[in-house]
């Protein structure tokens, strides 16, 4: 058995893009133009945005090894650009139901979700990851300083013991 603890790397890009995809799907259920949600405002674009967000979630699942997809490496970047362009186009040019209505929070959350999808895709091309290493009992004991009672003086140098001097079971 390997004595070294197992390190886990979490890719930042696909994780950020997946958070953006979930935010985009949630935003479609909220109001985009007055009382109309993203799902009731669009005929086809809402379904396209959901598919783009699901592709982003599939990329995250493939990154963790939960799903095997035939997607190419540039797919998340294309998906993020297309999603952002769609949401920006709906911000600039409202659909017929959104004419003369105020832009609501759902559109802004959709814009943030699409931007996160694109930012995550850009970060995934840079291959930035967080490494998580589990702490072992020995590393936790050696890293912690010895506990002292408040107001207690330091013991003489001959009475101090280090973790390395203690016998191991």
C-alpha atoms as a PDB file:
ATOM      1  CA  UNK A   1       0.000   0.000   0.000  1.00  0.00           C
ATOM      2  CA  UNK A   2       1.211   3.497  -0.757  1.00  0.00           C
ATOM      3  CA  UNK A   3       2.244   5.453   2.345  1.00  0.00           C
ATOM      4  CA  UNK A   4       1.698   8.806   0.643  1.00  0.00           C
ATOM      5  CA  UNK A   5      -1.834  10.222   1.032  1.00  0.00           C
ATOM      6  CA  UNK A   6      -3.885  10.495  -2.119  1.00  0.00           C
ATOM      7  CA  UNK A   7      -4.086  13.957  -3.669  1.00  0.00           C
ATOM      8  CA  UNK A   8      -7.196  15.053  -5.481  1.00  0.00           C
ATOM      9  CA  UNK A   9      -7.184  17.749  -8.138  1.00  0.00           C
ATOM     10  CA  UNK A  10     -10.343  19.731  -8.735  1.00  0.00           C
ATOM     11  CA  UNK A  11     -10.411  21.553 -12.057  1.00  0.00           C
ATOM     12  CA  UNK A  12     -11.557  25.141 -11.537  1.00  0.00           C
ATOM     13  CA  UNK A  13     -12.689  25.848 -15.114  1.00  0.00           C
ATOM     14  CA  UNK A  14     -15.302  23.111 -15.558  1.00  0.00           C
ATOM     15  CA  UNK A  15     -16.557  23.687 -12.017  1.00  0.00           C
ATOM     16  CA  UNK A  16     -17.041  27.426 -12.623  1.00  0.00           C
ATOM     17  CA  UNK A  17     -18.670  26.735 -15.993  1.00  0.00           C
ATOM     18  CA  UNK A  18     -21.060  24.217 -14.397  1.00  0.00           C
ATOM     19  CA  UNK A  19     -22.054  26.748 -11.740  1.00  0.00           C
ATOM     20  CA  UNK A  20     -22.796  29.164 -14.576  1.00  0.00           C
ATOM     21  CA  UNK A  21     -24.829  26.489 -16.377  1.00  0.00           C
ATOM     22  CA  UNK A  22     -26.951  25.817 -13.308  1.00  0.00           C
ATOM     23  CA  UNK A  23     -27.426  29.570 -12.830  1.00  0.00           C
ATOM     24  CA  UNK A  24     -28.514  29.894 -16.467  1.00  0.00           C
ATOM     25  CA  UNK A  25     -31.101  27.115 -16.120  1.00  0.00           C
ATOM     26  CA  UNK A  26     -32.429  28.628 -12.875  1.00  0.00           C
ATOM     27  CA  UNK A  27     -32.636  32.084 -14.464  1.00  0.00           C
ATOM     28  CA  UNK A  28     -34.892  30.770 -17.226  1.00  0.00           C
ATOM     29  CA  UNK A  29     -37.530  29.995 -14.603  1.00  0.00           C
ATOM     30  CA  UNK A  30     -37.391  33.544 -13.240  1.00  0.00           C
ATOM     31  CA  UNK A  31     -38.904  36.709 -14.716  1.00  0.00           C
ATOM     32  CA  UNK A  32     -36.960  38.134 -17.676  1.00  0.00           C
ATOM     33  CA  UNK A  33     -39.412  40.714 -19.053  1.00  0.00           C
ATOM     34  CA  UNK A  34     -42.082  41.971 -16.671  1.00  0.00           C
ATOM     35  CA  UNK A  35     -44.123  38.972 -15.508  1.00  0.00           C
ATOM     36  CA  UNK A  36     -42.784  36.676 -18.258  1.00  0.00           C
ATOM     37  CA  UNK A  37     -40.137  34.086 -17.447  1.00  0.00           C
ATOM     38  CA  UNK A  38     -37.391  33.016 -19.806  1.00  0.00           C
ATOM     39  CA  UNK A  39     -39.314  29.848 -20.643  1.00  0.00           C
ATOM     40  CA  UNK A  40     -42.485  31.760 -21.555  1.00  0.00           C
ATOM     41  CA  UNK A  41     -40.648  34.555 -23.411  1.00  0.00           C
ATOM     42  CA  UNK A  42     -38.858  32.474 -26.031  1.00  0.00           C
ATOM     43  CA  UNK A  43     -39.922  29.911 -28.590  1.00  0.00           C
ATOM     44  CA  UNK A  44     -36.630  28.151 -29.261  1.00  0.00           C
ATOM     45  CA  UNK A  45     -33.849  30.015 -27.465  1.00  0.00           C
ATOM     46  CA  UNK A  46     -34.861  28.793 -24.012  1.00  0.00           C
ATOM     47  CA  UNK A  47     -34.433  25.178 -25.089  1.00  0.00           C
ATOM     48  CA  UNK A  48     -31.122  25.985 -26.765  1.00  0.00           C
ATOM     49  CA  UNK A  49     -29.859  27.657 -23.582  1.00  0.00           C
ATOM     50  CA  UNK A  50     -30.884  24.616 -21.524  1.00  0.00           C
ATOM     51  CA  UNK A  51     -29.041  22.291 -23.928  1.00  0.00           C
ATOM     52  CA  UNK A  52     -25.928  24.489 -23.768  1.00  0.00           C
ATOM     53  CA  UNK A  53     -26.047  24.467 -19.961  1.00  0.00           C
ATOM     54  CA  UNK A  54     -26.474  20.673 -19.926  1.00  0.00           C
ATOM     55  CA  UNK A  55     -23.457  20.281 -22.219  1.00  0.00           C
ATOM     56  CA  UNK A  56     -21.471  22.320 -19.698  1.00  0.00           C
ATOM     57  CA  UNK A  57     -22.635  20.015 -16.890  1.00  0.00           C
ATOM     58  CA  UNK A  58     -21.679  16.995 -19.004  1.00  0.00           C
ATOM     59  CA  UNK A  59     -18.175  18.426 -19.415  1.00  0.00           C
ATOM     60  CA  UNK A  60     -17.889  18.694 -15.615  1.00  0.00           C
ATOM     61  CA  UNK A  61     -19.061  15.103 -15.217  1.00  0.00           C
ATOM     62  CA  UNK A  62     -16.504  13.998 -17.821  1.00  0.00           C
ATOM     63  CA  UNK A  63     -13.783  15.917 -15.980  1.00  0.00           C
ATOM     64  CA  UNK A  64     -14.517  13.958 -12.806  1.00  0.00           C
ATOM     65  CA  UNK A  65     -14.658  10.702 -14.764  1.00  0.00           C
ATOM     66  CA  UNK A  66     -18.368  10.145 -14.140  1.00  0.00           C
ATOM     67  CA  UNK A  67     -19.318  10.336 -17.798  1.00  0.00           C
ATOM     68  CA  UNK A  68     -17.546   9.561 -21.045  1.00  0.00           C
ATOM     69  CA  UNK A  69     -18.431  12.070 -23.749  1.00  0.00           C
ATOM     70  CA  UNK A  70     -17.197  12.388 -27.327  1.00  0.00           C
ATOM     71  CA  UNK A  71     -16.848  16.159 -26.892  1.00  0.00           C
ATOM     72  CA  UNK A  72     -13.736  17.843 -28.218  1.00  0.00           C
ATOM     73  CA  UNK A  73     -11.535  20.015 -26.032  1.00  0.00           C
ATOM     74  CA  UNK A  74     -12.804  23.294 -27.542  1.00  0.00           C
ATOM     75  CA  UNK A  75     -16.482  22.495 -26.995  1.00  0.00           C
ATOM     76  CA  UNK A  76     -16.864  24.330 -23.652  1.00  0.00           C
ATOM     77  CA  UNK A  77     -15.401  27.483 -25.187  1.00  0.00           C
ATOM     78  CA  UNK A  78     -17.841  27.389 -28.110  1.00  0.00           C
ATOM     79  CA  UNK A  79     -20.746  26.629 -25.769  1.00  0.00           C
ATOM     80  CA  UNK A  80     -19.846  29.547 -23.494  1.00  0.00           C
ATOM     81  CA  UNK A  81     -19.520  32.004 -26.389  1.00  0.00           C
ATOM     82  CA  UNK A  82     -22.831  30.910 -27.943  1.00  0.00           C
ATOM     83  CA  UNK A  83     -24.690  31.113 -24.606  1.00  0.00           C
ATOM     84  CA  UNK A  84     -23.301  34.571 -23.872  1.00  0.00           C
ATOM     85  CA  UNK A  85     -24.159  35.829 -27.362  1.00  0.00           C
ATOM     86  CA  UNK A  86     -27.723  34.537 -27.079  1.00  0.00           C
ATOM     87  CA  UNK A  87     -28.321  36.196 -23.715  1.00  0.00           C
ATOM     88  CA  UNK A  88     -26.672  39.442 -24.847  1.00  0.00           C
ATOM     89  CA  UNK A  89     -28.826  39.480 -27.976  1.00  0.00           C
ATOM     90  CA  UNK A  90     -31.943  39.147 -25.831  1.00  0.00           C
ATOM     91  CA  UNK A  91     -30.753  41.984 -23.623  1.00  0.00           C
ATOM     92  CA  UNK A  92     -30.266  44.269 -26.626  1.00  0.00           C
ATOM     93  CA  UNK A  93     -33.194  43.089 -28.783  1.00  0.00           C
ATOM     94  CA  UNK A  94     -36.159  41.957 -26.668  1.00  0.00           C
ATOM     95  CA  UNK A  95     -38.514  39.254 -27.971  1.00  0.00           C
ATOM     96  CA  UNK A  96     -42.069  40.335 -28.925  1.00  0.00           C
ATOM     97  CA  UNK A  97     -43.409  39.555 -25.453  1.00  0.00           C
ATOM     98  CA  UNK A  98     -40.648  41.675 -23.894  1.00  0.00           C
ATOM     99  CA  UNK A  99     -41.222  44.853 -25.912  1.00  0.00           C
ATOM    100  CA  UNK A 100     -41.998  47.823 -23.709  1.00  0.00           C
ATOM    101  CA  UNK A 101     -41.426  45.790 -20.561  1.00  0.00           C
ATOM    102  CA  UNK A 102     -38.725  46.260 -17.978  1.00  0.00           C
ATOM    103  CA  UNK A 103     -35.828  43.854 -17.825  1.00  0.00           C
ATOM    104  CA  UNK A 104     -36.111  41.721 -14.707  1.00  0.00           C
ATOM    105  CA  UNK A 105     -33.655  39.810 -12.513  1.00  0.00           C
ATOM    106  CA  UNK A 106     -33.866  36.584 -14.537  1.00  0.00           C
ATOM    107  CA  UNK A 107     -32.166  38.182 -17.528  1.00  0.00           C
ATOM    108  CA  UNK A 108     -29.342  39.523 -15.382  1.00  0.00           C
ATOM    109  CA  UNK A 109     -28.842  36.130 -13.736  1.00  0.00           C
ATOM    110  CA  UNK A 110     -28.877  34.502 -17.167  1.00  0.00           C
ATOM    111  CA  UNK A 111     -26.223  36.947 -18.313  1.00  0.00           C
ATOM    112  CA  UNK A 112     -24.110  36.170 -15.237  1.00  0.00           C
ATOM    113  CA  UNK A 113     -24.556  32.426 -15.781  1.00  0.00           C
ATOM    114  CA  UNK A 114     -23.514  32.633 -19.429  1.00  0.00           C
ATOM    115  CA  UNK A 115     -20.526  34.794 -18.490  1.00  0.00           C
ATOM    116  CA  UNK A 116     -19.494  32.216 -15.867  1.00  0.00           C
ATOM    117  CA  UNK A 117     -19.807  29.481 -18.464  1.00  0.00           C
ATOM    118  CA  UNK A 118     -17.447  31.377 -20.764  1.00  0.00           C
ATOM    119  CA  UNK A 119     -15.023  32.258 -17.947  1.00  0.00           C
ATOM    120  CA  UNK A 120     -14.945  28.619 -16.849  1.00  0.00           C
ATOM    121  CA  UNK A 121     -14.233  27.507 -20.402  1.00  0.00           C
ATOM    122  CA  UNK A 122     -11.356  29.965 -20.644  1.00  0.00           C
ATOM    123  CA  UNK A 123      -9.966  28.754 -17.321  1.00  0.00           C
ATOM    124  CA  UNK A 124     -10.255  25.135 -18.408  1.00  0.00           C
ATOM    125  CA  UNK A 125      -8.041  25.827 -21.414  1.00  0.00           C
ATOM    126  CA  UNK A 126      -5.436  27.141 -18.958  1.00  0.00           C
ATOM    127  CA  UNK A 127      -5.808  23.896 -16.928  1.00  0.00           C
ATOM    128  CA  UNK A 128      -5.928  25.580 -13.531  1.00  0.00           C
ATOM    129  CA  UNK A 129      -6.779  23.213 -10.679  1.00  0.00           C
ATOM    130  CA  UNK A 130      -6.916  23.101  -6.895  1.00  0.00           C
ATOM    131  CA  UNK A 131      -5.042  20.233  -5.257  1.00  0.00           C
ATOM    132  CA  UNK A 132      -6.697  18.820  -2.159  1.00  0.00           C
ATOM    133  CA  UNK A 133      -4.578  16.620   0.096  1.00  0.00           C
ATOM    134  CA  UNK A 134      -6.144  14.857   3.071  1.00  0.00           C
ATOM    135  CA  UNK A 135      -4.473  15.469   6.430  1.00  0.00           C
ATOM    136  CA  UNK A 136      -3.081  12.506   8.246  1.00  0.00           C
ATOM    137  CA  UNK A 137      -2.858  12.267  12.002  1.00  0.00           C
ATOM    138  CA  UNK A 138       0.941  12.431  11.977  1.00  0.00           C
ATOM    139  CA  UNK A 139       1.026  15.603   9.868  1.00  0.00           C
ATOM    140  CA  UNK A 140      -1.625  17.226  12.066  1.00  0.00           C
ATOM    141  CA  UNK A 141       0.348  16.416  15.252  1.00  0.00           C
ATOM    142  CA  UNK A 142       3.680  17.604  13.873  1.00  0.00           C
ATOM    143  CA  UNK A 143       2.163  20.823  12.510  1.00  0.00           C
ATOM    144  CA  UNK A 144       0.450  21.782  15.776  1.00  0.00           C
ATOM    145  CA  UNK A 145       2.515  23.501  18.475  1.00  0.00           C
ATOM    146  CA  UNK A 146       2.366  21.955  21.953  1.00  0.00           C
ATOM    147  CA  UNK A 147      -0.484  23.221  24.090  1.00  0.00           C
ATOM    148  CA  UNK A 148       0.439  25.280  27.154  1.00  0.00           C
ATOM    149  CA  UNK A 149      -1.681  26.458  30.003  1.00  0.00           C
ATOM    150  CA  UNK A 150      -2.192  30.221  30.138  1.00  0.00           C
ATOM    151  CA  UNK A 151       0.433  31.876  32.311  1.00  0.00           C
ATOM    152  CA  UNK A 152       2.662  28.783  32.408  1.00  0.00           C
ATOM    153  CA  UNK A 153       6.344  29.288  31.911  1.00  0.00           C
ATOM    154  CA  UNK A 154       8.331  27.408  29.300  1.00  0.00           C
ATOM    155  CA  UNK A 155       9.874  24.180  30.534  1.00  0.00           C
ATOM    156  CA  UNK A 156      13.649  23.858  30.589  1.00  0.00           C
ATOM    157  CA  UNK A 157      15.189  22.733  27.273  1.00  0.00           C
ATOM    158  CA  UNK A 158      16.072  19.272  28.566  1.00  0.00           C
ATOM    159  CA  UNK A 159      12.412  18.476  29.349  1.00  0.00           C
ATOM    160  CA  UNK A 160      11.028  19.338  25.935  1.00  0.00           C
ATOM    161  CA  UNK A 161      10.206  16.451  23.623  1.00  0.00           C
ATOM    162  CA  UNK A 162       9.462  16.528  19.962  1.00  0.00           C
ATOM    163  CA  UNK A 163       7.131  14.314  17.994  1.00  0.00           C
ATOM    164  CA  UNK A 164      10.123  12.670  16.312  1.00  0.00           C
ATOM    165  CA  UNK A 165      11.516  11.565  19.728  1.00  0.00           C
ATOM    166  CA  UNK A 166       8.334   9.767  20.714  1.00  0.00           C
ATOM    167  CA  UNK A 167       8.239   6.021  20.020  1.00  0.00           C
ATOM    168  CA  UNK A 168       5.903   4.958  17.242  1.00  0.00           C
ATOM    169  CA  UNK A 169       3.457   2.082  17.790  1.00  0.00           C
END
